Structure formats: C-alpha cells, structure tokens
C-alpha cells in the first residue's frame, strides 16, 4: 500500500489456513511506529495502546479495488479491496457507488478499470443459453 512492511499472502496460503484468525500478530516495530506517530499528533491518542492486533487488508492482484455491479446477480454491487487506501478513497467510492446504484452509472469516476469481474475466466463457445455474454445453464 505504499508504506512497506506488509506481508503478501496468496490464495493458496489462505486456503491452507496459514493465517488463522486470532493467531496473526501485529509487527511490534510497526505498532511502535504507529504509537509514536499518534503520540506526536495528540496527547489523547498517544500512549500505550490497550489492544494491539493485526488483520488482513484485501488487495486484488492489480492493486485496484473492486467497484461495480456483481455480474450474475440482480441488484448486487461491490466496493471492496481498497487495501490501506480505503479510508482515503471512501468519499469518492461512496459517491461513485451511490451514483451507480441510483442512476445506473457513475458520473464522478469511470468504474470500468475497477470491474469486479475483471479477473473472471472468459467463457468461450459451448452449449447452453446465455443472457448477453452470461451463461444461464443448459436448455433441455
């Protein structure tokens, strides 16, 4: 996400259970850096944290968030995978998604690069019915 130090976890590691919830611990050096930083900004926020924890920050392979319609479902939308930029991008993400949901398209930003289906396997040929490019099963 640009600040370094994050460990990349691939899908195989997640499936294998390498990082079970509750057994992933925060890097003490990063906790100290964050604590020191907060202490310089505010006496109220500074000091020793009551709780220290680590969590996954979802990041798609191309480092762009998923934003848009979820193909194959009616009225399903996704805005996820912003990694550590989620707080910064929250206002424009919310605006774009609200435009998409209410108006049918986002006018504040082009959502095409963020299409949730961009990594979906492309279907070629084959039998069955289709709704546009989407397969909806065999017709008997």
N, C-alpha and C. Protein backbone atom coordinates (compact mmCIF):
# COMPACT_ATOMS: atom_id res chain seq x y z
N UNK A 1 0.81 -1.20 0.00
CA UNK A 1 0.00 0.00 0.00
C UNK A 1 0.85 1.25 0.00
N UNK A 2 2.12 1.10 -0.08
CA UNK A 2 2.97 2.28 -0.17
C UNK A 2 3.75 2.58 1.10
N UNK A 3 3.38 1.98 2.24
CA UNK A 3 4.12 2.27 3.45
C UNK A 3 5.10 1.15 3.80
N UNK A 4 5.05 0.07 3.05
CA UNK A 4 6.02 -1.01 3.22
C UNK A 4 5.79 -1.85 4.45
N UNK A 5 6.42 -3.01 4.47
CA UNK A 5 6.36 -3.88 5.62
C UNK A 5 5.25 -4.88 5.64
N UNK A 6 4.30 -4.75 4.74
CA UNK A 6 3.18 -5.69 4.72
C UNK A 6 3.61 -6.99 4.06
N UNK A 7 3.13 -8.08 4.61
CA UNK A 7 3.43 -9.39 4.05
C UNK A 7 2.35 -9.78 3.06
N UNK A 8 2.75 -10.20 1.87
CA UNK A 8 1.79 -10.62 0.86
C UNK A 8 1.36 -12.05 1.15
N UNK A 9 0.07 -12.29 1.15
CA UNK A 9 -0.49 -13.62 1.38
C UNK A 9 -1.24 -14.02 0.13
N UNK A 10 -0.87 -15.15 -0.45
CA UNK A 10 -1.58 -15.56 -1.67
C UNK A 10 -2.74 -16.49 -1.33
N UNK A 11 -3.56 -16.77 -2.34
CA UNK A 11 -4.78 -17.56 -2.15
C UNK A 11 -4.48 -18.96 -1.62
N UNK A 12 -3.40 -19.59 -2.08
CA UNK A 12 -3.07 -20.93 -1.61
C UNK A 12 -2.76 -20.94 -0.12
N UNK A 13 -2.06 -19.91 0.35
CA UNK A 13 -1.76 -19.82 1.78
C UNK A 13 -3.03 -19.63 2.60
N UNK A 14 -3.94 -18.82 2.09
CA UNK A 14 -5.21 -18.63 2.80
C UNK A 14 -6.01 -19.92 2.86
N UNK A 15 -6.10 -20.62 1.72
CA UNK A 15 -6.85 -21.89 1.68
C UNK A 15 -6.24 -22.93 2.61
N UNK A 16 -4.93 -22.91 2.73
CA UNK A 16 -4.23 -23.88 3.58
C UNK A 16 -4.35 -23.53 5.07
N UNK A 17 -4.91 -22.36 5.37
CA UNK A 17 -5.09 -21.98 6.77
C UNK A 17 -3.82 -21.48 7.44
N UNK A 18 -2.89 -20.94 6.64
CA UNK A 18 -1.61 -20.48 7.20
C UNK A 18 -1.79 -19.32 8.20
N UNK A 19 -2.84 -18.55 8.03
CA UNK A 19 -3.06 -17.38 8.88
C UNK A 19 -4.44 -17.45 9.53
N UNK A 20 -4.63 -18.32 10.51
CA UNK A 20 -5.96 -18.43 11.15
C UNK A 20 -6.28 -17.19 11.98
N UNK A 21 -7.54 -16.76 11.97
CA UNK A 21 -7.93 -15.60 12.79
C UNK A 21 -7.53 -15.80 14.25
N UNK A 22 -7.10 -14.74 14.86
CA UNK A 22 -6.71 -14.81 16.27
C UNK A 22 -5.28 -15.28 16.48
N UNK A 23 -4.65 -15.79 15.44
CA UNK A 23 -3.27 -16.27 15.58
C UNK A 23 -2.31 -15.46 14.71
N UNK A 24 -2.78 -14.34 14.19
CA UNK A 24 -1.95 -13.42 13.42
C UNK A 24 -1.63 -12.25 14.34
N UNK A 25 -0.36 -11.96 14.49
CA UNK A 25 0.05 -10.93 15.45
C UNK A 25 0.67 -9.74 14.74
N UNK A 26 0.44 -8.58 15.32
CA UNK A 26 0.97 -7.34 14.78
C UNK A 26 2.49 -7.30 14.91
N UNK A 27 3.14 -6.68 13.95
CA UNK A 27 4.59 -6.49 13.96
C UNK A 27 4.90 -5.42 15.01
N UNK A 28 5.66 -5.76 16.06
CA UNK A 28 5.94 -4.80 17.14
C UNK A 28 6.58 -3.50 16.63
N UNK A 29 7.42 -3.57 15.63
CA UNK A 29 8.06 -2.36 15.10
C UNK A 29 7.02 -1.43 14.47
N UNK A 30 6.05 -2.00 13.79
CA UNK A 30 5.01 -1.17 13.17
C UNK A 30 4.06 -0.61 14.23
N UNK A 31 3.80 -1.39 15.28
CA UNK A 31 2.96 -0.90 16.38
C UNK A 31 3.66 0.29 17.04
N UNK A 32 4.95 0.16 17.28
CA UNK A 32 5.72 1.25 17.90
C UNK A 32 5.70 2.49 17.01
N UNK A 33 5.88 2.31 15.70
CA UNK A 33 5.87 3.45 14.78
C UNK A 33 4.52 4.16 14.80
N UNK A 34 3.44 3.39 14.80
CA UNK A 34 2.10 3.99 14.83
C UNK A 34 1.87 4.69 16.16
N UNK A 35 2.25 4.05 17.26
CA UNK A 35 2.08 4.64 18.60
C UNK A 35 2.87 5.94 18.71
N UNK A 36 4.12 5.92 18.27
CA UNK A 36 4.94 7.14 18.31
C UNK A 36 4.32 8.25 17.47
N UNK A 37 3.81 7.89 16.32
CA UNK A 37 3.20 8.88 15.43
C UNK A 37 1.95 9.50 16.06
N UNK A 38 1.08 8.65 16.61
CA UNK A 38 -0.12 9.17 17.27
C UNK A 38 0.24 10.04 18.47
N UNK A 39 1.29 9.68 19.18
CA UNK A 39 1.69 10.45 20.36
C UNK A 39 2.13 11.87 19.99
N UNK A 40 2.69 12.05 18.79
CA UNK A 40 3.09 13.39 18.36
C UNK A 40 1.90 14.22 17.89
N UNK A 41 0.82 13.56 17.50
CA UNK A 41 -0.36 14.28 17.00
C UNK A 41 -1.32 14.68 18.11
N UNK A 42 -1.41 13.86 19.15
CA UNK A 42 -2.42 14.12 20.17
C UNK A 42 -2.04 13.45 21.48
N UNK A 43 -2.17 14.20 22.56
CA UNK A 43 -1.94 13.60 23.88
C UNK A 43 -3.01 12.56 24.18
N UNK A 44 -4.21 12.81 23.69
CA UNK A 44 -5.33 11.90 23.95
C UNK A 44 -5.15 10.57 23.21
N UNK A 45 -4.66 10.63 21.97
CA UNK A 45 -4.48 9.41 21.18
C UNK A 45 -3.17 8.70 21.47
N UNK A 46 -2.22 9.40 22.03
CA UNK A 46 -0.90 8.82 22.28
C UNK A 46 -0.89 7.89 23.48
N UNK A 47 0.29 7.40 23.78
CA UNK A 47 0.44 6.49 24.91
C UNK A 47 0.45 5.05 24.45
N UNK A 48 0.31 4.17 25.43
CA UNK A 48 0.33 2.74 25.14
C UNK A 48 -1.06 2.26 24.74
N UNK A 49 -1.17 1.57 23.60
CA UNK A 49 -2.50 1.08 23.18
C UNK A 49 -3.02 0.01 24.12
N UNK A 50 -4.33 0.00 24.33
CA UNK A 50 -4.96 -1.03 25.16
C UNK A 50 -4.94 -2.38 24.45
N UNK A 51 -5.12 -2.35 23.14
CA UNK A 51 -5.19 -3.57 22.34
C UNK A 51 -4.33 -3.41 21.10
N UNK A 52 -3.62 -4.45 20.75
CA UNK A 52 -2.82 -4.47 19.53
C UNK A 52 -3.24 -5.69 18.73
N UNK A 53 -3.56 -5.48 17.47
CA UNK A 53 -3.98 -6.62 16.65
C UNK A 53 -3.55 -6.41 15.20
N UNK A 54 -3.59 -7.47 14.45
CA UNK A 54 -3.27 -7.44 13.03
C UNK A 54 -4.48 -7.96 12.26
N UNK A 55 -4.60 -7.53 11.03
CA UNK A 55 -5.71 -8.01 10.21
C UNK A 55 -5.27 -8.05 8.75
N UNK A 56 -6.07 -8.74 7.96
CA UNK A 56 -5.82 -8.80 6.52
C UNK A 56 -6.34 -7.52 5.88
N UNK A 57 -5.61 -7.02 4.92
CA UNK A 57 -6.08 -5.91 4.10
C UNK A 57 -6.22 -6.45 2.69
N UNK A 58 -7.45 -6.64 2.25
CA UNK A 58 -7.64 -7.24 0.92
C UNK A 58 -7.10 -6.34 -0.18
N UNK A 59 -6.36 -6.95 -1.09
CA UNK A 59 -5.79 -6.21 -2.20
C UNK A 59 -5.80 -7.11 -3.43
N UNK A 60 -6.58 -6.77 -4.46
CA UNK A 60 -6.60 -7.58 -5.68
C UNK A 60 -5.21 -7.61 -6.34
N UNK A 61 -4.99 -8.57 -7.22
CA UNK A 61 -3.67 -8.73 -7.86
C UNK A 61 -3.16 -7.48 -8.58
N UNK A 62 -4.06 -6.66 -9.11
CA UNK A 62 -3.63 -5.45 -9.81
C UNK A 62 -3.63 -4.22 -8.90
N UNK A 63 -3.89 -4.41 -7.61
CA UNK A 63 -3.90 -3.36 -6.60
C UNK A 63 -5.00 -2.32 -6.78
N UNK A 64 -5.96 -2.60 -7.65
CA UNK A 64 -7.12 -1.72 -7.82
C UNK A 64 -8.31 -2.33 -7.10
N UNK A 65 -9.13 -1.52 -6.45
CA UNK A 65 -10.28 -2.09 -5.75
C UNK A 65 -11.32 -2.67 -6.72
N UNK A 66 -12.20 -3.49 -6.17
CA UNK A 66 -13.36 -3.99 -6.91
C UNK A 66 -14.49 -3.00 -6.67
N UNK A 67 -15.01 -2.41 -7.74
CA UNK A 67 -16.13 -1.48 -7.60
C UNK A 67 -17.04 -1.63 -8.80
N UNK A 68 -18.29 -1.96 -8.55
CA UNK A 68 -19.24 -2.06 -9.65
C UNK A 68 -20.30 -3.11 -9.39
N UNK A 69 -21.02 -3.43 -10.46
CA UNK A 69 -22.06 -4.47 -10.39
C UNK A 69 -21.42 -5.84 -10.26
N UNK A 70 -22.09 -6.71 -9.55
CA UNK A 70 -21.66 -8.10 -9.45
C UNK A 70 -22.43 -8.86 -10.52
N UNK A 71 -21.72 -9.31 -11.53
CA UNK A 71 -22.37 -9.99 -12.65
C UNK A 71 -23.01 -11.30 -12.21
N UNK A 72 -24.16 -11.57 -12.81
CA UNK A 72 -24.86 -12.80 -12.50
C UNK A 72 -25.89 -12.65 -11.39
N UNK A 73 -25.96 -11.46 -10.78
CA UNK A 73 -26.91 -11.21 -9.70
C UNK A 73 -27.64 -9.90 -9.96
N UNK A 74 -28.90 -9.87 -9.63
CA UNK A 74 -29.69 -8.66 -9.77
C UNK A 74 -29.50 -7.78 -8.55
N UNK A 75 -29.25 -6.53 -8.77
CA UNK A 75 -29.11 -5.54 -7.69
C UNK A 75 -28.03 -5.89 -6.68
N UNK A 76 -26.92 -6.47 -7.14
CA UNK A 76 -25.79 -6.75 -6.26
C UNK A 76 -24.61 -5.90 -6.72
N UNK A 77 -23.98 -5.23 -5.78
CA UNK A 77 -22.88 -4.33 -6.08
C UNK A 77 -21.73 -4.61 -5.11
N UNK A 78 -20.52 -4.24 -5.52
CA UNK A 78 -19.35 -4.48 -4.68
C UNK A 78 -18.45 -3.24 -4.68
N UNK A 79 -17.96 -2.92 -3.51
CA UNK A 79 -16.92 -1.91 -3.34
C UNK A 79 -16.02 -2.44 -2.24
N UNK A 80 -14.92 -3.06 -2.63
CA UNK A 80 -14.04 -3.74 -1.67
C UNK A 80 -12.62 -3.82 -2.22
N UNK A 81 -11.70 -4.22 -1.36
CA UNK A 81 -10.33 -4.46 -1.81
C UNK A 81 -9.52 -3.19 -1.98
N UNK A 82 -9.83 -2.15 -1.21
CA UNK A 82 -9.12 -0.88 -1.34
C UNK A 82 -7.76 -0.89 -0.62
N UNK A 83 -7.45 -1.99 0.06
CA UNK A 83 -6.20 -2.11 0.81
C UNK A 83 -6.14 -0.97 1.83
N UNK A 84 -4.97 -0.41 2.05
CA UNK A 84 -4.84 0.63 3.08
C UNK A 84 -5.36 1.98 2.60
N UNK A 85 -5.80 2.06 1.36
CA UNK A 85 -6.31 3.32 0.82
C UNK A 85 -7.82 3.47 1.05
N UNK A 86 -8.45 2.53 1.71
CA UNK A 86 -9.90 2.56 1.89
C UNK A 86 -10.43 3.82 2.54
N UNK A 87 -9.77 4.30 3.58
CA UNK A 87 -10.24 5.50 4.27
C UNK A 87 -10.10 6.71 3.36
N UNK A 88 -9.00 6.81 2.66
CA UNK A 88 -8.77 7.93 1.75
C UNK A 88 -9.77 7.92 0.59
N UNK A 89 -10.03 6.74 0.05
CA UNK A 89 -10.91 6.62 -1.12
C UNK A 89 -12.39 6.51 -0.75
N UNK A 90 -12.72 6.43 0.53
CA UNK A 90 -14.11 6.22 0.95
C UNK A 90 -15.08 7.26 0.38
N UNK A 91 -14.77 8.56 0.44
CA UNK A 91 -15.74 9.52 -0.09
C UNK A 91 -16.07 9.32 -1.57
N UNK A 92 -15.05 9.19 -2.41
CA UNK A 92 -15.32 9.04 -3.84
C UNK A 92 -15.89 7.66 -4.15
N UNK A 93 -15.47 6.64 -3.41
CA UNK A 93 -16.04 5.30 -3.61
C UNK A 93 -17.53 5.30 -3.28
N UNK A 94 -17.88 5.92 -2.17
CA UNK A 94 -19.29 6.01 -1.79
C UNK A 94 -20.11 6.79 -2.79
N UNK A 95 -19.56 7.90 -3.26
CA UNK A 95 -20.26 8.72 -4.26
C UNK A 95 -20.45 7.93 -5.55
N UNK A 96 -19.39 7.29 -6.04
CA UNK A 96 -19.48 6.53 -7.29
C UNK A 96 -20.47 5.38 -7.17
N UNK A 97 -20.42 4.66 -6.06
CA UNK A 97 -21.34 3.53 -5.90
C UNK A 97 -22.78 4.01 -5.76
N UNK A 98 -23.00 5.12 -5.06
CA UNK A 98 -24.37 5.63 -4.94
C UNK A 98 -24.89 6.08 -6.30
N UNK A 99 -24.04 6.70 -7.11
CA UNK A 99 -24.45 7.08 -8.46
C UNK A 99 -24.80 5.84 -9.29
N UNK A 100 -23.96 4.83 -9.20
CA UNK A 100 -24.20 3.59 -9.94
C UNK A 100 -25.53 2.95 -9.53
N UNK A 101 -25.77 2.87 -8.24
CA UNK A 101 -26.98 2.22 -7.74
C UNK A 101 -28.23 3.05 -8.05
N UNK A 102 -28.16 4.35 -7.85
CA UNK A 102 -29.34 5.21 -8.02
C UNK A 102 -29.59 5.63 -9.47
N UNK A 103 -28.49 5.90 -10.21
CA UNK A 103 -28.62 6.44 -11.56
C UNK A 103 -28.31 5.43 -12.66
N UNK A 104 -27.76 4.28 -12.28
CA UNK A 104 -27.42 3.27 -13.28
C UNK A 104 -26.01 3.37 -13.81
N UNK A 105 -25.30 4.47 -13.49
CA UNK A 105 -23.90 4.62 -13.86
C UNK A 105 -23.26 5.68 -12.97
N UNK A 106 -21.96 5.56 -12.80
CA UNK A 106 -21.22 6.54 -12.01
C UNK A 106 -20.78 7.67 -12.94
N UNK A 107 -21.01 8.90 -12.53
CA UNK A 107 -20.58 10.03 -13.35
C UNK A 107 -19.32 10.69 -12.80
N UNK A 108 -18.99 10.46 -11.53
CA UNK A 108 -17.84 11.12 -10.92
C UNK A 108 -16.51 10.42 -11.24
N UNK A 109 -16.59 9.16 -11.63
CA UNK A 109 -15.38 8.40 -11.95
C UNK A 109 -15.76 7.26 -12.88
N UNK A 110 -14.85 6.90 -13.77
CA UNK A 110 -15.05 5.77 -14.67
C UNK A 110 -14.77 4.49 -13.89
N UNK A 111 -15.78 3.67 -13.68
CA UNK A 111 -15.63 2.45 -12.89
C UNK A 111 -15.12 1.26 -13.70
N UNK A 112 -14.97 1.39 -15.01
CA UNK A 112 -14.55 0.24 -15.82
C UNK A 112 -13.24 -0.41 -15.35
N UNK A 113 -12.22 0.36 -14.97
CA UNK A 113 -10.98 -0.30 -14.50
C UNK A 113 -11.16 -1.10 -13.21
N UNK A 114 -12.25 -0.85 -12.47
CA UNK A 114 -12.47 -1.48 -11.18
C UNK A 114 -13.50 -2.61 -11.23
N UNK A 115 -13.92 -3.00 -12.42
CA UNK A 115 -14.96 -4.02 -12.61
C UNK A 115 -14.66 -5.27 -11.78
N UNK A 116 -15.57 -5.67 -10.88
CA UNK A 116 -15.34 -6.88 -10.08
C UNK A 116 -15.11 -8.14 -10.92
N UNK A 117 -15.58 -8.16 -12.14
CA UNK A 117 -15.43 -9.35 -13.00
C UNK A 117 -14.15 -9.34 -13.82
N UNK A 118 -13.25 -8.40 -13.59
CA UNK A 118 -12.08 -8.30 -14.46
C UNK A 118 -11.14 -9.50 -14.39
N UNK A 119 -11.23 -10.30 -13.34
CA UNK A 119 -10.38 -11.48 -13.24
C UNK A 119 -11.16 -12.77 -13.53
N UNK A 120 -12.43 -12.65 -13.84
CA UNK A 120 -13.25 -13.83 -14.13
C UNK A 120 -12.74 -14.49 -15.41
N UNK A 121 -12.79 -15.80 -15.41
CA UNK A 121 -12.38 -16.53 -16.60
C UNK A 121 -13.36 -16.25 -17.72
N UNK A 122 -12.83 -16.02 -18.89
CA UNK A 122 -13.66 -15.75 -20.06
C UNK A 122 -14.20 -17.08 -20.58
N UNK A 123 -15.50 -17.10 -20.86
CA UNK A 123 -16.13 -18.31 -21.39
C UNK A 123 -16.08 -18.24 -22.91
N UNK A 124 -15.79 -19.37 -23.51
CA UNK A 124 -15.75 -19.39 -24.97
C UNK A 124 -16.61 -20.53 -25.50
N UNK A 125 -17.47 -20.19 -26.43
CA UNK A 125 -18.30 -21.19 -27.09
C UNK A 125 -19.12 -21.99 -26.11
N UNK A 126 -19.29 -23.27 -26.42
CA UNK A 126 -20.02 -24.17 -25.54
C UNK A 126 -21.51 -24.11 -25.76
N UNK A 127 -22.18 -25.06 -25.15
CA UNK A 127 -23.63 -25.15 -25.27
C UNK A 127 -24.29 -24.37 -24.15
N UNK A 128 -25.60 -24.23 -24.26
CA UNK A 128 -26.37 -23.60 -23.20
C UNK A 128 -26.91 -22.26 -23.60
N UNK A 129 -27.81 -21.78 -22.77
CA UNK A 129 -28.41 -20.48 -23.02
C UNK A 129 -27.54 -19.39 -22.44
N UNK A 130 -27.68 -18.22 -23.00
CA UNK A 130 -26.93 -17.07 -22.49
C UNK A 130 -27.85 -15.87 -22.38
N UNK A 131 -27.58 -15.04 -21.40
CA UNK A 131 -28.22 -13.75 -21.26
C UNK A 131 -27.10 -12.75 -21.53
N UNK A 132 -27.04 -12.23 -22.75
CA UNK A 132 -25.89 -11.43 -23.15
C UNK A 132 -24.70 -12.35 -23.26
N UNK A 133 -23.63 -12.07 -22.53
CA UNK A 133 -22.44 -12.92 -22.51
C UNK A 133 -22.48 -13.93 -21.36
N UNK A 134 -23.49 -13.83 -20.49
CA UNK A 134 -23.55 -14.64 -19.28
C UNK A 134 -24.29 -15.97 -19.52
N UNK A 135 -23.64 -17.06 -19.15
CA UNK A 135 -24.27 -18.36 -19.29
C UNK A 135 -25.33 -18.52 -18.21
N UNK A 136 -26.52 -19.00 -18.61
CA UNK A 136 -27.58 -19.23 -17.63
C UNK A 136 -28.01 -20.69 -17.62
N UNK A 137 -27.16 -21.57 -18.08
CA UNK A 137 -27.43 -23.01 -17.98
C UNK A 137 -27.84 -23.66 -19.28
N UNK A 138 -27.97 -24.96 -19.21
CA UNK A 138 -28.38 -25.76 -20.38
C UNK A 138 -29.86 -25.60 -20.64
N UNK A 139 -30.22 -25.71 -21.88
CA UNK A 139 -31.62 -25.70 -22.25
C UNK A 139 -31.96 -27.10 -22.77
N UNK A 140 -32.85 -27.79 -22.11
CA UNK A 140 -33.20 -29.16 -22.50
C UNK A 140 -34.53 -29.20 -23.14
